[in-house]
Amino acid sequence: MKRIPVVPGWFGADGDPDRFRLLGTRCRSCGAVFFPRADAFCRNPACDGTELDETPLSRTGTVWSYTDSRYRPPAPYLSDPDLPWEPFTVVAVKLAKERMVVLGQAAPGVTAAGLAVGMAVELVPGVLHQDAEQVWTTWHWRPLGGPA
């Protein structure tokens, strides 16, 4: 099946799950790191830099906050109304090295009840949706040492 990233350029692994990373950008002028990536100018209000380099972000962090999604979000969220809604957990993860918080879904099987603020988590490849022809890939967060 053809694998398609849900947002091209936001993550990658060169085919190696152990190298899976979110991809941000770093400003050459001030060193600030951004995710989602910035491609035109530095988002730091104190910097007028326009030279940005792609930079892989940390694969681990700590839970900053979390919640669960128990209802089907309204448009423009896309979901098949003929399928039952499956709740999922959203995790805000603090990356210490980059000094930022990144949101993402928890890995399948990880619920809000299984998370705690300050818990160590790792980035893993995920699947948002698939059909007979395509797999739309994304990223997930799971507790360190948790189930695959």
N, C-alpha and C. Protein backbone atom coordinates (compact mmCIF):
# COMPACT_ATOMS: atom_id res chain seq x y z
N MET A 1 0.83 -1.19 0.00
CA MET A 1 0.00 0.00 0.00
C MET A 1 0.88 1.25 0.00
N LYS A 2 0.38 2.28 -0.60
CA LYS A 2 1.10 3.54 -0.65
C LYS A 2 0.95 4.25 0.70
N ARG A 3 2.08 4.69 1.27
CA ARG A 3 2.09 5.40 2.55
C ARG A 3 2.21 6.90 2.28
N ILE A 4 1.28 7.67 2.83
CA ILE A 4 1.23 9.11 2.59
C ILE A 4 1.25 9.84 3.93
N PRO A 5 2.23 10.72 4.17
CA PRO A 5 2.20 11.50 5.42
C PRO A 5 1.01 12.44 5.43
N VAL A 6 0.33 12.56 6.57
CA VAL A 6 -0.83 13.45 6.64
C VAL A 6 -0.42 14.91 6.44
N VAL A 7 0.79 15.26 6.86
CA VAL A 7 1.33 16.59 6.61
C VAL A 7 2.76 16.42 6.10
N PRO A 8 2.96 16.50 4.79
CA PRO A 8 4.31 16.32 4.23
C PRO A 8 5.31 17.31 4.83
N GLY A 9 6.50 16.78 5.17
CA GLY A 9 7.57 17.63 5.70
C GLY A 9 7.57 17.83 7.19
N TRP A 10 6.55 17.32 7.90
CA TRP A 10 6.50 17.50 9.35
C TRP A 10 7.16 16.37 10.11
N PHE A 11 7.37 15.22 9.48
CA PHE A 11 8.02 14.09 10.14
C PHE A 11 8.63 13.19 9.09
N GLY A 12 9.57 12.35 9.53
CA GLY A 12 10.21 11.44 8.61
C GLY A 12 11.12 10.49 9.34
N ALA A 13 11.53 9.43 8.63
CA ALA A 13 12.39 8.43 9.24
C ALA A 13 13.31 7.78 8.23
N ASP A 14 13.23 8.18 6.99
CA ASP A 14 14.01 7.53 5.94
C ASP A 14 13.79 6.03 5.96
N GLY A 15 12.55 5.59 6.26
CA GLY A 15 12.22 4.17 6.26
C GLY A 15 12.66 3.40 7.49
N ASP A 16 13.28 4.06 8.46
CA ASP A 16 13.79 3.39 9.66
C ASP A 16 13.01 3.86 10.88
N PRO A 17 12.14 3.01 11.48
CA PRO A 17 11.34 3.45 12.63
C PRO A 17 12.18 3.95 13.81
N ASP A 18 13.42 3.45 13.96
CA ASP A 18 14.26 3.89 15.06
C ASP A 18 14.79 5.32 14.85
N ARG A 19 14.68 5.81 13.63
CA ARG A 19 15.13 7.18 13.33
C ARG A 19 13.96 8.13 13.13
N PHE A 20 12.74 7.68 13.41
CA PHE A 20 11.54 8.49 13.22
C PHE A 20 11.63 9.77 14.05
N ARG A 21 11.40 10.91 13.42
CA ARG A 21 11.51 12.21 14.08
C ARG A 21 10.47 13.18 13.55
N LEU A 22 10.04 14.09 14.41
CA LEU A 22 9.34 15.27 13.94
C LEU A 22 10.40 16.19 13.36
N LEU A 23 10.06 16.93 12.32
CA LEU A 23 11.01 17.82 11.67
C LEU A 23 10.59 19.26 11.87
N GLY A 24 11.43 20.00 12.53
CA GLY A 24 11.19 21.43 12.74
C GLY A 24 12.17 22.23 11.93
N THR A 25 12.25 23.50 12.21
CA THR A 25 13.25 24.36 11.59
C THR A 25 13.96 25.17 12.66
N ARG A 26 15.22 25.47 12.39
CA ARG A 26 16.05 26.28 13.29
C ARG A 26 16.49 27.52 12.53
N CYS A 27 16.32 28.68 13.17
CA CYS A 27 16.75 29.94 12.57
C CYS A 27 18.26 30.06 12.67
N ARG A 28 18.91 30.36 11.56
CA ARG A 28 20.37 30.54 11.57
C ARG A 28 20.79 31.78 12.34
N SER A 29 19.92 32.80 12.43
CA SER A 29 20.28 34.05 13.10
C SER A 29 20.22 33.95 14.62
N CYS A 30 19.11 33.42 15.14
CA CYS A 30 18.93 33.42 16.60
C CYS A 30 18.94 32.03 17.22
N GLY A 31 18.86 30.98 16.42
CA GLY A 31 18.89 29.62 16.94
C GLY A 31 17.55 29.08 17.40
N ALA A 32 16.48 29.89 17.30
CA ALA A 32 15.15 29.44 17.73
C ALA A 32 14.70 28.26 16.87
N VAL A 33 14.01 27.30 17.51
CA VAL A 33 13.51 26.12 16.84
C VAL A 33 11.99 26.19 16.82
N PHE A 34 11.40 25.77 15.69
CA PHE A 34 9.95 25.85 15.52
C PHE A 34 9.36 24.54 15.06
N PHE A 35 8.18 24.22 15.58
CA PHE A 35 7.34 23.15 15.08
C PHE A 35 5.91 23.57 15.34
N PRO A 36 5.04 23.51 14.32
CA PRO A 36 5.36 23.08 12.98
C PRO A 36 6.42 23.97 12.35
N ARG A 37 7.03 23.42 11.34
CA ARG A 37 8.16 24.07 10.68
C ARG A 37 7.79 25.46 10.17
N ALA A 38 8.78 26.31 10.13
CA ALA A 38 8.66 27.64 9.51
C ALA A 38 9.54 27.60 8.27
N ASP A 39 9.06 28.11 7.17
CA ASP A 39 9.84 28.04 5.94
C ASP A 39 10.17 29.40 5.34
N ALA A 40 9.52 30.47 5.79
CA ALA A 40 9.73 31.77 5.16
C ALA A 40 10.52 32.74 6.04
N PHE A 41 10.24 32.73 7.34
CA PHE A 41 10.90 33.68 8.24
C PHE A 41 10.88 33.14 9.66
N CYS A 42 11.74 33.69 10.49
CA CYS A 42 11.81 33.30 11.90
C CYS A 42 10.57 33.81 12.62
N ARG A 43 9.96 32.96 13.44
CA ARG A 43 8.77 33.36 14.20
C ARG A 43 9.11 34.09 15.50
N ASN A 44 10.40 34.16 15.83
CA ASN A 44 10.82 34.89 17.02
C ASN A 44 10.61 36.38 16.75
N PRO A 45 9.74 37.06 17.53
CA PRO A 45 9.46 38.47 17.27
C PRO A 45 10.69 39.38 17.39
N ALA A 46 11.73 38.92 18.10
CA ALA A 46 12.93 39.74 18.27
C ALA A 46 13.96 39.48 17.17
N CYS A 47 13.62 38.66 16.17
CA CYS A 47 14.58 38.28 15.13
C CYS A 47 13.99 38.54 13.76
N ASP A 48 14.81 39.03 12.84
CA ASP A 48 14.34 39.24 11.48
C ASP A 48 14.98 38.24 10.51
N GLY A 49 15.45 37.11 11.04
CA GLY A 49 16.10 36.09 10.23
C GLY A 49 15.17 35.44 9.22
N THR A 50 15.72 35.08 8.09
CA THR A 50 14.95 34.38 7.05
C THR A 50 15.64 33.09 6.59
N GLU A 51 16.81 32.79 7.14
CA GLU A 51 17.51 31.56 6.77
C GLU A 51 17.21 30.50 7.83
N LEU A 52 16.47 29.48 7.41
CA LEU A 52 16.02 28.44 8.32
C LEU A 52 16.48 27.08 7.83
N ASP A 53 16.95 26.26 8.75
CA ASP A 53 17.41 24.92 8.41
C ASP A 53 16.48 23.88 9.03
N GLU A 54 16.16 22.83 8.25
CA GLU A 54 15.39 21.73 8.81
C GLU A 54 16.19 21.08 9.92
N THR A 55 15.52 20.76 11.02
CA THR A 55 16.20 20.13 12.15
C THR A 55 15.29 19.07 12.77
N PRO A 56 15.83 17.87 12.99
CA PRO A 56 15.03 16.84 13.66
C PRO A 56 14.87 17.19 15.14
N LEU A 57 13.68 16.96 15.66
CA LEU A 57 13.40 17.25 17.07
C LEU A 57 13.66 16.01 17.92
N SER A 58 13.70 16.21 19.22
CA SER A 58 13.92 15.11 20.16
C SER A 58 12.84 14.05 20.00
N ARG A 59 13.21 12.80 20.22
CA ARG A 59 12.26 11.68 20.14
C ARG A 59 11.58 11.41 21.48
N THR A 60 12.06 12.04 22.54
CA THR A 60 11.48 11.83 23.86
C THR A 60 11.16 13.16 24.52
N GLY A 61 10.25 13.09 25.48
CA GLY A 61 9.88 14.28 26.25
C GLY A 61 9.06 13.84 27.45
N THR A 62 8.43 14.82 28.09
CA THR A 62 7.57 14.51 29.24
C THR A 62 6.17 15.07 28.99
N VAL A 63 5.19 14.37 29.54
CA VAL A 63 3.81 14.81 29.38
C VAL A 63 3.63 16.14 30.11
N TRP A 64 3.19 17.13 29.37
CA TRP A 64 2.91 18.46 29.91
C TRP A 64 1.42 18.57 30.26
N SER A 65 0.58 17.96 29.41
CA SER A 65 -0.86 17.91 29.62
C SER A 65 -1.44 16.83 28.71
N TYR A 66 -2.69 16.47 28.93
CA TYR A 66 -3.34 15.46 28.10
C TYR A 66 -4.85 15.55 28.28
N THR A 67 -5.58 15.01 27.32
CA THR A 67 -7.04 14.93 27.40
C THR A 67 -7.51 13.85 26.45
N ASP A 68 -8.78 13.50 26.55
CA ASP A 68 -9.31 12.54 25.60
C ASP A 68 -10.39 13.21 24.75
N SER A 69 -10.57 12.67 23.57
CA SER A 69 -11.53 13.18 22.60
C SER A 69 -12.68 12.17 22.54
N ARG A 70 -13.78 12.52 23.14
CA ARG A 70 -14.90 11.57 23.24
C ARG A 70 -16.00 11.82 22.22
N TYR A 71 -15.86 12.87 21.39
CA TYR A 71 -16.88 13.16 20.39
C TYR A 71 -16.23 13.42 19.04
N ARG A 72 -16.98 13.26 17.98
CA ARG A 72 -16.50 13.51 16.62
C ARG A 72 -16.41 15.03 16.44
N PRO A 73 -15.21 15.55 16.16
CA PRO A 73 -15.08 17.00 15.97
C PRO A 73 -15.87 17.47 14.75
N PRO A 74 -16.30 18.73 14.76
CA PRO A 74 -17.03 19.26 13.62
C PRO A 74 -16.10 19.55 12.44
N ALA A 75 -16.68 19.87 11.28
CA ALA A 75 -15.91 20.26 10.10
C ALA A 75 -15.00 21.43 10.49
N PRO A 76 -13.82 21.50 9.96
CA PRO A 76 -13.32 20.81 8.79
C PRO A 76 -12.66 19.46 9.08
N TYR A 77 -12.78 18.93 10.31
CA TYR A 77 -12.24 17.61 10.61
C TYR A 77 -12.91 16.59 9.71
N LEU A 78 -12.11 15.74 9.10
CA LEU A 78 -12.64 14.72 8.18
C LEU A 78 -12.71 13.38 8.88
N SER A 79 -13.88 12.77 8.84
CA SER A 79 -14.04 11.41 9.34
C SER A 79 -15.23 10.80 8.61
N ASP A 80 -15.25 9.49 8.55
CA ASP A 80 -16.31 8.78 7.85
C ASP A 80 -17.53 8.69 8.76
N PRO A 81 -18.63 9.39 8.42
CA PRO A 81 -19.81 9.37 9.29
C PRO A 81 -20.49 8.01 9.36
N ASP A 82 -20.13 7.10 8.43
CA ASP A 82 -20.72 5.77 8.45
C ASP A 82 -20.02 4.83 9.43
N LEU A 83 -18.85 5.25 9.94
CA LEU A 83 -18.12 4.44 10.92
C LEU A 83 -18.36 4.99 12.31
N PRO A 84 -18.38 4.13 13.32
CA PRO A 84 -18.56 4.62 14.69
C PRO A 84 -17.35 5.46 15.12
N TRP A 85 -17.60 6.45 15.94
CA TRP A 85 -16.52 7.31 16.45
C TRP A 85 -15.73 6.55 17.49
N GLU A 86 -14.40 6.58 17.37
CA GLU A 86 -13.53 5.94 18.35
C GLU A 86 -12.76 7.02 19.09
N PRO A 87 -13.00 7.16 20.40
CA PRO A 87 -12.26 8.17 21.17
C PRO A 87 -10.75 7.94 21.09
N PHE A 88 -9.99 9.01 21.23
CA PHE A 88 -8.54 8.92 21.26
C PHE A 88 -8.02 9.95 22.26
N THR A 89 -6.76 9.78 22.65
CA THR A 89 -6.15 10.65 23.63
C THR A 89 -5.18 11.60 22.93
N VAL A 90 -5.22 12.87 23.33
CA VAL A 90 -4.31 13.89 22.82
C VAL A 90 -3.32 14.22 23.93
N VAL A 91 -2.03 14.29 23.56
CA VAL A 91 -0.97 14.52 24.53
C VAL A 91 -0.17 15.76 24.14
N ALA A 92 0.08 16.63 25.10
CA ALA A 92 0.99 17.76 24.92
C ALA A 92 2.30 17.36 25.58
N VAL A 93 3.38 17.31 24.79
CA VAL A 93 4.66 16.80 25.27
C VAL A 93 5.70 17.91 25.27
N LYS A 94 6.37 18.07 26.41
CA LYS A 94 7.44 19.06 26.51
C LYS A 94 8.75 18.44 26.09
N LEU A 95 9.37 19.04 25.06
CA LEU A 95 10.69 18.62 24.61
C LEU A 95 11.70 19.52 25.31
N ALA A 96 12.46 18.98 26.25
CA ALA A 96 13.36 19.79 27.08
C ALA A 96 14.45 20.46 26.25
N LYS A 97 15.06 19.72 25.33
CA LYS A 97 16.17 20.27 24.55
C LYS A 97 15.71 21.48 23.72
N GLU A 98 14.52 21.37 23.10
CA GLU A 98 14.02 22.43 22.24
C GLU A 98 13.24 23.49 23.01
N ARG A 99 12.91 23.20 24.28
CA ARG A 99 12.14 24.11 25.13
C ARG A 99 10.82 24.50 24.48
N MET A 100 10.08 23.46 24.03
CA MET A 100 8.77 23.69 23.44
C MET A 100 7.84 22.54 23.77
N VAL A 101 6.54 22.77 23.56
CA VAL A 101 5.52 21.76 23.76
C VAL A 101 4.94 21.40 22.39
N VAL A 102 4.84 20.10 22.11
CA VAL A 102 4.33 19.59 20.85
C VAL A 102 3.12 18.70 21.13
N LEU A 103 2.05 18.92 20.38
CA LEU A 103 0.84 18.11 20.54
C LEU A 103 0.87 16.91 19.61
N GLY A 104 0.14 15.89 19.97
CA GLY A 104 -0.02 14.71 19.12
C GLY A 104 -0.94 13.72 19.78
N GLN A 105 -1.38 12.75 19.00
CA GLN A 105 -2.21 11.68 19.54
C GLN A 105 -1.36 10.71 20.34
N ALA A 106 -1.97 10.11 21.34
CA ALA A 106 -1.32 9.01 22.04
C ALA A 106 -1.38 7.78 21.15
N ALA A 107 -0.44 6.89 21.33
CA ALA A 107 -0.41 5.64 20.57
C ALA A 107 -1.67 4.84 20.88
N PRO A 108 -2.11 4.00 19.94
CA PRO A 108 -3.28 3.16 20.19
C PRO A 108 -3.12 2.37 21.50
N GLY A 109 -4.19 2.33 22.25
CA GLY A 109 -4.18 1.62 23.54
C GLY A 109 -3.77 2.48 24.71
N VAL A 110 -3.21 3.67 24.46
CA VAL A 110 -2.83 4.57 25.55
C VAL A 110 -4.01 5.50 25.81
N THR A 111 -4.52 5.46 27.02
CA THR A 111 -5.67 6.29 27.39
C THR A 111 -5.24 7.38 28.36
N ALA A 112 -6.13 8.35 28.57
CA ALA A 112 -5.84 9.41 29.53
C ALA A 112 -5.61 8.82 30.92
N ALA A 113 -6.31 7.75 31.25
CA ALA A 113 -6.14 7.11 32.56
C ALA A 113 -4.73 6.54 32.74
N GLY A 114 -4.05 6.25 31.65
CA GLY A 114 -2.70 5.69 31.73
C GLY A 114 -1.59 6.71 31.64
N LEU A 115 -1.94 8.00 31.64
CA LEU A 115 -0.94 9.07 31.54
C LEU A 115 -0.90 9.88 32.82
N ALA A 116 0.21 10.57 33.03
CA ALA A 116 0.35 11.48 34.16
C ALA A 116 1.29 12.61 33.74
N VAL A 117 1.02 13.81 34.22
CA VAL A 117 1.91 14.94 33.95
C VAL A 117 3.30 14.58 34.46
N GLY A 118 4.32 14.84 33.62
CA GLY A 118 5.70 14.53 33.98
C GLY A 118 6.16 13.16 33.52
N MET A 119 5.25 12.32 33.04
CA MET A 119 5.61 10.97 32.58
C MET A 119 6.49 11.07 31.33
N ALA A 120 7.50 10.23 31.24
CA ALA A 120 8.37 10.19 30.06
C ALA A 120 7.66 9.47 28.92
N VAL A 121 7.70 10.07 27.73
CA VAL A 121 7.08 9.49 26.55
C VAL A 121 8.06 9.55 25.38
N GLU A 122 7.77 8.71 24.37
CA GLU A 122 8.60 8.70 23.18
C GLU A 122 7.74 8.82 21.94
N LEU A 123 8.34 9.34 20.89
CA LEU A 123 7.68 9.51 19.61
C LEU A 123 7.75 8.20 18.83
N VAL A 124 6.62 7.79 18.24
CA VAL A 124 6.59 6.58 17.43
C VAL A 124 5.77 6.85 16.17
N PRO A 125 6.08 6.14 15.07
CA PRO A 125 5.27 6.30 13.87
C PRO A 125 3.85 5.83 14.13
N GLY A 126 2.89 6.47 13.46
CA GLY A 126 1.50 6.09 13.65
C GLY A 126 0.74 6.10 12.34
N VAL A 127 -0.47 5.60 12.40
CA VAL A 127 -1.38 5.59 11.26
C VAL A 127 -2.63 6.36 11.65
N LEU A 128 -2.98 7.35 10.83
CA LEU A 128 -4.20 8.10 11.07
C LEU A 128 -5.40 7.39 10.46
N HIS A 129 -5.20 6.85 9.25
CA HIS A 129 -6.30 6.19 8.54
C HIS A 129 -5.71 5.31 7.45
N GLN A 130 -6.42 4.28 7.07
CA GLN A 130 -6.01 3.52 5.91
C GLN A 130 -7.23 2.93 5.23
N ASP A 131 -7.09 2.72 3.92
CA ASP A 131 -8.12 2.05 3.15
C ASP A 131 -7.44 0.97 2.32
N ALA A 132 -8.09 0.47 1.30
CA ALA A 132 -7.54 -0.64 0.51
C ALA A 132 -6.31 -0.24 -0.30
N GLU A 133 -6.11 1.06 -0.53
CA GLU A 133 -5.02 1.52 -1.39
C GLU A 133 -3.94 2.34 -0.69
N GLN A 134 -4.30 3.04 0.40
CA GLN A 134 -3.37 3.99 0.99
C GLN A 134 -3.37 3.91 2.52
N VAL A 135 -2.23 4.30 3.09
CA VAL A 135 -2.10 4.44 4.54
C VAL A 135 -1.65 5.87 4.79
N TRP A 136 -2.44 6.63 5.57
CA TRP A 136 -2.05 7.99 5.91
C TRP A 136 -1.30 7.93 7.24
N THR A 137 -0.03 8.30 7.20
CA THR A 137 0.84 8.18 8.37
C THR A 137 0.90 9.47 9.18
N THR A 138 1.20 9.33 10.45
CA THR A 138 1.31 10.46 11.36
C THR A 138 2.29 10.08 12.47
N TRP A 139 2.26 10.81 13.58
CA TRP A 139 3.09 10.47 14.73
C TRP A 139 2.20 10.25 15.94
N HIS A 140 2.70 9.45 16.88
CA HIS A 140 2.01 9.20 18.14
C HIS A 140 3.03 9.33 19.27
N TRP A 141 2.52 9.54 20.47
CA TRP A 141 3.33 9.54 21.69
C TRP A 141 2.92 8.33 22.51
N ARG A 142 3.90 7.62 23.07
CA ARG A 142 3.59 6.50 23.96
C ARG A 142 4.54 6.56 25.15
N PRO A 143 4.07 6.06 26.29
CA PRO A 143 4.94 6.02 27.48
C PRO A 143 6.22 5.24 27.17
N LEU A 144 7.34 5.71 27.67
CA LEU A 144 8.61 5.00 27.47
C LEU A 144 8.48 3.59 28.03
N GLY A 145 8.90 2.63 27.23
CA GLY A 145 8.79 1.24 27.66
C GLY A 145 7.39 0.67 27.49
N GLY A 146 6.47 1.45 26.84
CA GLY A 146 5.10 1.01 26.68
C GLY A 146 4.93 0.05 25.51
N PRO A 147 3.70 -0.39 25.27
CA PRO A 147 3.44 -1.33 24.18
C PRO A 147 3.70 -0.69 22.83
N ALA A 148 4.09 -1.51 21.86
CA ALA A 148 4.39 -1.02 20.50
C ALA A 148 3.14 -0.61 19.80
